[in-house]
Amino acid sequence: MDDDVALELHSKLLKKFPKDLLSWKRVETLCSYMGRHDLSLPLFRKILPQNEGQVYVNGMLAFCLIELGHLREAEEAARKGCEINENDSWAHHALCHVLQTECRFKEAVKFMEEHSDSWDSCSSLRFSHNWWHVAVCYLEGGSHISKVEEVYDHQMWKELEKDDAVARDVYTDALGLLLRLDTRGKLDDGFQDRLEKLADSLTDKAMWYQDWLFDITTIWALSKVEKTSLAHELLEGLKSRTSAMNPKKQKLMQNAILLAEAVYEYGKGNYEIALELLGLDFDAANYKVIGGSGVQMDVFNEIWYKLLLLNGKSSTAIEVLEKVTKQRDGAPFLWRLLEESYSMEGKEKAGISAGKKAKALESSYFKSA
């Protein structure tokens, strides 16, 4: 069924039954894969008065607001969801999104860990994904790698031991975290063996072609551990399935295929080709059709920053990173990249200043780590 038709049908159903939370979620999911959260927000606002006090509603509203950049309103909605039900794991997730986006990493970790006991009854997706956010906050805040390792091993990966665990959901979170470790050059800090173990699980083709974000990050993992033929098979399979879509959908998914190709080359170490595919004006926000949130998609921006430096495009990197650090002034990794960029351009004073900024941030977030 065409996405627009499906969205129209679900929207009609939701207008008729505004308290149908399953319809709420389906509309949100559809808009996510269309890259059009702006289509769901007006509808959600219209039926919100009929759902006052309803659990989960504010968390879903908050997520939509986050993806559209309305962070203040999103935080209010998420906190209201927590007031209605302090164990609302979806509201926890939404609030963490806000705090993480605003580089309030220490606050995010404290809040999430204080509420983590309530996640034990959640699905694999919610449990592992909420812990994924904790791990990424530790990583982005410059915490010692052991904290990331602890969450990965004892929360995310351990989730697979549950009888009702949905492996693909857990693997998607694991892939997202390991890819971030790769952009930071941290895979060798005890995570290379974890990546190889994960890649062995990803050879199960029954999990392929169900979720674009999973497939694209799987392509990276397989190519990174030199399971190149499998990575290529998955990539070609995505292309084949895209070619069978209607023209409108094909056009929409062109960016997804481009990203998959770039990640494939990046994993193999073909950095020049990967950068040629992404270009010099890449922005992961334009690739949300793969179903990732803004926070999930940001790792592809990190790959691009790294590719700019690996290909000697330090002047372009400086131009980009100076803008990005204004938006996310509290992200140490971005300042480290800027420090490296300045150094490559011979701008010693600016590089020292960026390095001091990064160090100050790293020491301020998780001093006990």
Protein backbone atom coordinates (compact mmCIF):
# COMPACT_ATOMS: atom_id res chain seq x y z
CA MET A 1 0.00 0.00 0.00
CA ASP A 2 1.20 3.52 -0.78
CA ASP A 3 2.47 5.34 2.33
CA ASP A 4 0.23 8.34 1.72
CA VAL A 5 -2.85 6.12 1.46
CA ALA A 6 -1.89 4.20 4.59
CA LEU A 7 -1.34 7.42 6.50
CA GLU A 8 -4.70 8.79 5.38
CA LEU A 9 -6.51 5.62 6.48
CA HIS A 10 -4.81 5.54 9.87
CA SER A 11 -5.45 9.25 10.36
CA LYS A 12 -9.16 8.77 9.65
CA LEU A 13 -9.26 5.91 12.13
CA LEU A 14 -7.50 8.02 14.73
CA LYS A 15 -9.91 10.93 14.25
CA LYS A 16 -12.79 8.53 14.80
CA PHE A 17 -11.15 6.76 17.73
CA PRO A 18 -8.75 9.35 19.23
CA LYS A 19 -7.88 7.15 22.21
CA ASP A 20 -6.66 4.29 20.03
CA LEU A 21 -2.98 4.30 21.02
CA LEU A 22 -2.09 1.67 18.43
CA SER A 23 -3.27 4.04 15.71
CA TRP A 24 -1.25 6.82 17.34
CA LYS A 25 1.85 4.65 17.11
CA ARG A 26 1.17 3.55 13.52
CA VAL A 27 0.79 7.14 12.38
CA GLU A 28 4.02 8.07 14.13
CA THR A 29 5.88 5.12 12.58
CA LEU A 30 4.57 5.83 9.09
CA CYS A 31 5.57 9.49 9.30
CA SER A 32 9.00 8.46 10.56
CA TYR A 33 9.64 6.26 7.53
CA MET A 34 8.36 9.02 5.26
CA GLY A 35 10.69 11.49 6.94
CA ARG A 36 7.61 13.66 7.60
CA HIS A 37 6.92 14.06 11.30
CA ASP A 38 5.34 17.38 10.36
CA LEU A 39 2.37 15.42 9.02
CA SER A 40 1.62 13.77 12.36
CA LEU A 41 2.01 16.74 14.70
CA PRO A 42 -1.16 18.65 13.66
CA LEU A 43 -3.21 15.50 14.06
CA PHE A 44 -1.72 14.71 17.47
CA ARG A 45 -2.36 18.25 18.68
CA LYS A 46 -5.99 18.05 17.53
CA ILE A 47 -6.80 14.89 19.47
CA LEU A 48 -4.61 15.60 22.51
CA PRO A 49 -7.44 17.24 24.53
CA GLN A 50 -9.39 13.98 24.35
CA ASN A 51 -6.44 12.11 25.85
CA GLU A 52 -5.71 14.18 28.95
CA GLY A 53 -4.22 11.93 31.62
CA GLN A 54 -3.76 9.05 29.20
CA VAL A 55 -0.50 7.17 29.72
CA TYR A 56 2.03 7.03 26.82
CA VAL A 57 0.34 9.84 24.88
CA ASN A 58 2.66 12.61 26.04
CA GLY A 59 5.71 10.48 25.36
CA MET A 60 4.61 9.94 21.76
CA LEU A 61 3.78 13.62 21.34
CA ALA A 62 7.17 14.55 22.79
CA PHE A 63 9.01 12.32 20.32
CA CYS A 64 7.26 13.95 17.38
CA LEU A 65 8.13 17.40 18.76
CA ILE A 66 11.78 16.36 19.18
CA GLU A 67 12.09 15.27 15.57
CA LEU A 68 10.77 18.66 14.49
CA GLY A 69 13.21 20.53 16.74
CA HIS A 70 10.67 21.79 19.30
CA LEU A 71 12.82 20.75 22.28
CA ARG A 72 11.35 22.97 25.00
CA GLU A 73 7.80 21.83 24.27
CA ALA A 74 9.02 18.25 23.93
CA GLU A 75 10.64 18.33 27.36
CA GLU A 76 7.42 19.66 28.89
CA ALA A 77 5.39 16.87 27.26
CA ALA A 78 7.86 14.17 28.32
CA ARG A 79 7.92 15.37 31.93
CA LYS A 80 4.13 15.54 31.95
CA GLY A 81 4.09 11.92 30.77
CA CYS A 82 6.34 11.00 33.69
CA GLU A 83 4.01 12.80 36.09
CA ILE A 84 1.03 10.81 34.80
CA ASN A 85 2.96 7.56 35.16
CA GLU A 86 6.49 7.62 36.58
CA ASN A 87 7.13 4.23 34.94
CA ASP A 88 6.24 5.38 31.41
CA SER A 89 9.30 4.08 29.57
CA TRP A 90 8.31 5.91 26.38
CA ALA A 91 8.26 9.24 28.26
CA HIS A 92 11.65 8.32 29.77
CA HIS A 93 12.94 7.73 26.25
CA ALA A 94 11.60 11.05 24.96
CA LEU A 95 13.04 13.05 27.83
CA CYS A 96 16.43 11.41 27.33
CA HIS A 97 16.28 12.40 23.65
CA VAL A 98 15.88 16.03 24.66
CA LEU A 99 18.64 15.95 27.27
CA GLN A 100 20.99 14.14 24.91
CA THR A 101 20.32 16.52 22.04
CA GLU A 102 21.07 19.45 24.33
CA CYS A 103 24.30 17.79 25.57
CA ARG A 104 22.93 17.41 29.10
CA PHE A 105 24.59 14.00 29.28
CA LYS A 106 25.11 13.73 33.02
CA GLU A 107 21.51 14.73 33.71
CA ALA A 108 20.28 12.23 31.11
CA VAL A 109 22.25 9.33 32.60
CA LYS A 110 21.13 10.16 36.14
CA PHE A 111 17.47 10.34 35.13
CA MET A 112 17.54 7.15 33.06
CA GLU A 113 19.43 5.06 35.59
CA GLU A 114 17.08 6.20 38.37
CA HIS A 115 14.12 4.88 36.34
CA SER A 116 15.79 1.82 34.79
CA ASP A 117 14.27 -0.70 37.22
CA SER A 118 10.88 -0.05 35.64
CA TRP A 119 12.12 -1.23 32.23
CA ASP A 120 12.42 -4.89 33.21
CA SER A 121 8.89 -5.60 31.97
CA CYS A 122 9.40 -3.75 28.69
CA SER A 123 9.83 -5.27 25.24
CA SER A 124 13.33 -5.93 23.92
CA LEU A 125 13.07 -2.82 21.78
CA ARG A 126 12.26 -0.46 24.63
CA PHE A 127 14.60 -2.08 27.16
CA SER A 128 17.70 -2.25 24.95
CA HIS A 129 17.01 1.09 23.30
CA ASN A 130 16.65 2.97 26.57
CA TRP A 131 19.94 1.46 27.74
CA TRP A 132 21.45 2.32 24.35
CA HIS A 133 20.69 5.96 25.10
CA VAL A 134 22.47 5.64 28.44
CA ALA A 135 25.54 4.11 26.77
CA VAL A 136 25.64 6.80 24.08
CA CYS A 137 25.34 9.55 26.71
CA TYR A 138 28.31 8.08 28.57
CA LEU A 139 30.23 7.95 25.32
CA GLU A 140 29.29 11.44 24.15
CA GLY A 141 30.06 12.89 27.56
CA GLY A 142 33.60 11.57 27.35
CA SER A 143 33.20 8.96 30.06
CA HIS A 144 35.77 6.20 30.44
CA ILE A 145 35.07 3.43 27.96
CA SER A 146 34.43 0.95 30.79
CA LYS A 147 31.04 2.56 31.46
CA VAL A 148 30.01 2.01 27.84
CA GLU A 149 31.32 -1.54 28.03
CA GLU A 150 29.32 -2.20 31.19
CA VAL A 151 26.03 -1.09 29.67
CA TYR A 152 26.68 -2.96 26.42
CA ASP A 153 27.51 -6.26 28.12
CA HIS A 154 25.20 -6.28 31.13
CA GLN A 155 22.13 -4.51 29.79
CA MET A 156 21.94 -4.45 26.00
CA TRP A 157 23.61 -7.73 25.01
CA LYS A 158 22.28 -9.59 28.04
CA GLU A 159 18.76 -8.79 26.84
CA LEU A 160 19.21 -11.52 24.22
CA GLU A 161 19.07 -14.13 26.99
CA LYS A 162 15.37 -13.46 27.50
CA ASP A 163 12.98 -15.98 25.96
CA ASP A 164 10.87 -13.27 24.34
CA ALA A 165 13.76 -11.11 23.12
CA VAL A 166 13.51 -9.78 19.57
CA ALA A 167 17.11 -10.12 18.42
CA ARG A 168 16.92 -7.65 15.54
CA ASP A 169 15.88 -4.82 17.87
CA VAL A 170 18.77 -5.49 20.22
CA TYR A 171 21.22 -5.87 17.34
CA THR A 172 20.13 -2.51 15.89
CA ASP A 173 21.03 -0.80 19.16
CA ALA A 174 24.31 -2.72 19.40
CA LEU A 175 25.20 -1.70 15.85
CA GLY A 176 24.43 1.94 16.54
CA LEU A 177 26.71 1.95 19.58
CA LEU A 178 29.58 0.07 17.94
CA LEU A 179 29.46 2.36 14.91
CA ARG A 180 29.85 5.36 17.22
CA LEU A 181 32.81 3.68 18.86
CA ASP A 182 34.30 3.19 15.41
CA THR A 183 34.00 6.87 14.48
CA ARG A 184 35.90 7.65 17.67
CA GLY A 185 38.60 5.05 17.00
CA LYS A 186 37.55 3.09 20.09
CA LEU A 187 36.79 -0.34 18.63
CA ASP A 188 40.25 -1.57 19.57
CA ASP A 189 39.53 -0.74 23.22
CA GLY A 190 38.02 -4.18 23.80
CA PHE A 191 35.15 -3.89 21.32
CA GLN A 192 36.56 -5.47 18.17
CA ASP A 193 35.75 -8.96 19.48
CA ARG A 194 32.24 -7.81 20.31
CA LEU A 195 31.80 -6.52 16.78
CA GLU A 196 32.97 -9.84 15.34
CA LYS A 197 30.56 -11.73 17.58
CA LEU A 198 27.74 -9.43 16.53
CA ALA A 199 28.63 -9.78 12.84
CA ASP A 200 28.40 -13.57 13.14
CA SER A 201 24.80 -13.16 14.31
CA LEU A 202 24.03 -10.78 11.46
CA THR A 203 24.70 -13.48 8.89
CA ASP A 204 21.20 -14.78 9.68
CA LYS A 205 19.45 -13.62 6.50
CA ALA A 206 16.02 -14.13 8.05
CA MET A 207 16.52 -10.77 9.79
CA TRP A 208 17.39 -8.90 6.61
CA TYR A 209 15.08 -6.57 4.65
CA GLN A 210 12.74 -5.75 7.54
CA ASP A 211 14.21 -2.46 8.70
CA TRP A 212 16.37 -0.02 6.73
CA LEU A 213 18.39 1.26 9.69
CA PHE A 214 19.21 -2.29 10.72
CA ASP A 215 20.16 -3.29 7.17
CA ILE A 216 22.39 -0.29 6.53
CA THR A 217 24.29 -0.60 9.80
CA THR A 218 24.54 -4.35 9.23
CA ILE A 219 26.23 -3.62 5.90
CA TRP A 220 28.82 -1.57 7.78
CA ALA A 221 29.43 -4.30 10.38
CA LEU A 222 29.79 -7.09 7.82
CA SER A 223 32.14 -5.07 5.63
CA LYS A 224 34.14 -3.92 8.68
CA VAL A 225 34.92 -7.51 9.74
CA GLU A 226 35.68 -8.50 6.13
CA LYS A 227 32.48 -10.45 5.51
CA THR A 228 32.43 -8.44 2.30
CA SER A 229 30.49 -10.86 0.11
CA LEU A 230 27.60 -10.92 2.60
CA ALA A 231 27.65 -7.13 2.95
CA HIS A 232 27.53 -6.81 -0.83
CA GLU A 233 24.67 -9.32 -1.05
CA LEU A 234 22.64 -7.31 1.45
CA LEU A 235 23.40 -4.08 -0.40
CA GLU A 236 22.37 -5.53 -3.76
CA GLY A 237 19.24 -6.94 -2.17
CA LEU A 238 18.24 -3.48 -0.96
CA LYS A 239 18.77 -2.11 -4.46
CA SER A 240 16.67 -4.89 -5.96
CA ARG A 241 13.81 -4.31 -3.55
CA THR A 242 13.93 -0.58 -4.16
CA SER A 243 13.70 -1.09 -7.92
CA ALA A 244 10.41 -2.97 -7.37
CA MET A 245 8.83 0.01 -5.59
CA ASN A 246 6.54 2.51 -7.26
CA PRO A 247 8.34 5.51 -8.84
CA LYS A 248 7.48 7.86 -6.00
CA LYS A 249 8.85 5.49 -3.37
CA GLN A 250 11.92 4.73 -5.47
CA LYS A 251 12.76 8.42 -5.60
CA LEU A 252 12.27 8.73 -1.85
CA MET A 253 14.60 5.82 -1.15
CA GLN A 254 17.44 7.00 -3.40
CA ASN A 255 19.14 8.59 -0.42
CA ALA A 256 18.82 5.35 1.54
CA ILE A 257 20.62 3.40 -1.18
CA LEU A 258 23.27 6.09 -1.45
CA LEU A 259 23.87 5.90 2.30
CA ALA A 260 24.04 2.10 2.19
CA GLU A 261 26.66 2.27 -0.58
CA ALA A 262 28.72 4.82 1.34
CA VAL A 263 28.61 2.81 4.55
CA TYR A 264 29.66 -0.29 2.61
CA GLU A 265 32.73 1.49 1.25
CA TYR A 266 33.47 3.09 4.62
CA GLY A 267 33.44 -0.30 6.32
CA LYS A 268 35.90 -1.65 3.74
CA GLY A 269 38.23 1.29 4.28
CA ASN A 270 37.56 2.87 0.88
CA TYR A 271 37.31 6.34 2.39
CA GLU A 272 37.72 8.33 -0.81
CA ILE A 273 34.87 6.48 -2.52
CA ALA A 274 32.69 6.78 0.59
CA LEU A 275 33.17 10.56 0.67
CA GLU A 276 32.45 10.84 -3.06
CA LEU A 277 29.15 9.07 -2.47
CA LEU A 278 28.14 11.32 0.44
CA GLY A 279 29.47 14.51 -1.11
CA LEU A 280 30.69 17.70 0.57
CA ASP A 281 27.26 18.93 1.69
CA PHE A 282 25.99 15.80 3.44
CA ASP A 283 23.40 16.09 6.23
CA ALA A 284 22.02 12.93 7.83
CA ALA A 285 18.74 14.75 8.53
CA ASN A 286 17.94 14.33 4.83
CA TYR A 287 18.19 10.54 5.13
CA LYS A 288 15.59 9.90 7.82
CA VAL A 289 13.58 7.75 5.42
CA ILE A 290 15.56 4.78 6.77
CA GLY A 291 13.52 5.12 9.96
CA GLY A 292 16.12 6.47 12.35
CA SER A 293 15.54 9.27 14.84
CA GLY A 294 17.67 12.39 14.76
CA VAL A 295 19.90 10.98 17.50
CA GLN A 296 20.27 7.65 15.68
CA MET A 297 20.99 9.36 12.36
CA ASP A 298 23.70 11.57 13.83
CA VAL A 299 26.23 8.73 13.69
CA PHE A 300 26.19 9.09 9.90
CA ASN A 301 27.15 12.72 10.32
CA GLU A 302 30.03 11.51 12.47
CA ILE A 303 31.14 9.18 9.68
CA TRP A 304 31.05 12.12 7.28
CA TYR A 305 33.13 14.34 9.58
CA LYS A 306 35.67 11.53 9.86
CA LEU A 307 35.71 11.03 6.08
CA LEU A 308 36.39 14.73 5.53
CA LEU A 309 39.47 14.52 7.72
CA LEU A 310 40.63 11.19 6.30
CA ASN A 311 40.47 12.72 2.83
CA GLY A 312 42.30 15.89 3.78
CA LYS A 313 39.22 18.11 3.57
CA SER A 314 40.12 19.90 6.80
CA SER A 315 39.00 23.35 5.63
CA THR A 316 35.54 21.97 4.85
CA ALA A 317 35.54 20.15 8.19
CA ILE A 318 36.32 23.40 10.02
CA GLU A 319 33.51 25.22 8.25
CA VAL A 320 31.04 22.47 9.14
CA LEU A 321 32.22 21.79 12.68
CA GLU A 322 32.29 25.45 13.68
CA LYS A 323 28.57 25.57 12.85
CA VAL A 324 27.82 22.26 14.55
CA THR A 325 29.63 23.18 17.78
CA LYS A 326 27.51 26.32 18.01
CA GLN A 327 24.43 24.07 17.98
CA ARG A 328 25.92 21.44 20.30
CA ASP A 329 28.48 23.40 22.29
CA GLY A 330 28.60 20.73 24.99
CA ALA A 331 29.72 17.75 22.86
CA PRO A 332 33.42 16.94 23.55
CA PHE A 333 33.81 14.70 20.48
CA LEU A 334 32.86 17.52 18.13
CA TRP A 335 35.46 19.77 19.75
CA ARG A 336 38.07 17.01 19.38
CA LEU A 337 37.26 16.80 15.67
CA LEU A 338 37.55 20.58 15.40
CA GLU A 339 40.87 20.43 17.24
CA GLU A 340 42.15 17.92 14.69
CA SER A 341 40.82 19.98 11.80
CA TYR A 342 42.57 23.13 13.01
CA SER A 343 45.80 21.18 13.47
CA MET A 344 45.65 19.89 9.89
CA GLU A 345 45.25 23.47 8.69
CA GLY A 346 48.16 24.69 10.78
CA LYS A 347 45.92 26.78 13.02
CA GLU A 348 47.78 25.93 16.21
CA LYS A 349 46.19 28.51 18.53
CA ALA A 350 42.64 27.61 17.50
CA GLY A 351 43.48 23.93 17.86
CA ILE A 352 44.78 24.38 21.39
CA SER A 353 41.63 26.31 22.32
CA ALA A 354 39.35 23.59 20.90
CA GLY A 355 41.32 20.91 22.73
CA LYS A 356 41.00 22.77 26.04
CA LYS A 357 37.26 23.10 25.48
CA ALA A 358 36.95 19.35 24.85
CA LYS A 359 39.02 18.46 27.92
CA ALA A 360 37.01 20.77 30.17
CA LEU A 361 33.75 19.22 28.99
CA GLU A 362 35.05 15.67 29.39
CA SER A 363 36.11 16.32 32.97
CA SER A 364 32.84 18.05 33.87
CA TYR A 365 30.40 15.29 32.93
CA PHE A 366 31.54 12.05 34.58
CA LYS A 367 34.37 12.86 36.97
CA SER A 368 34.03 9.56 38.83
CA ALA A 369 34.23 7.47 35.63
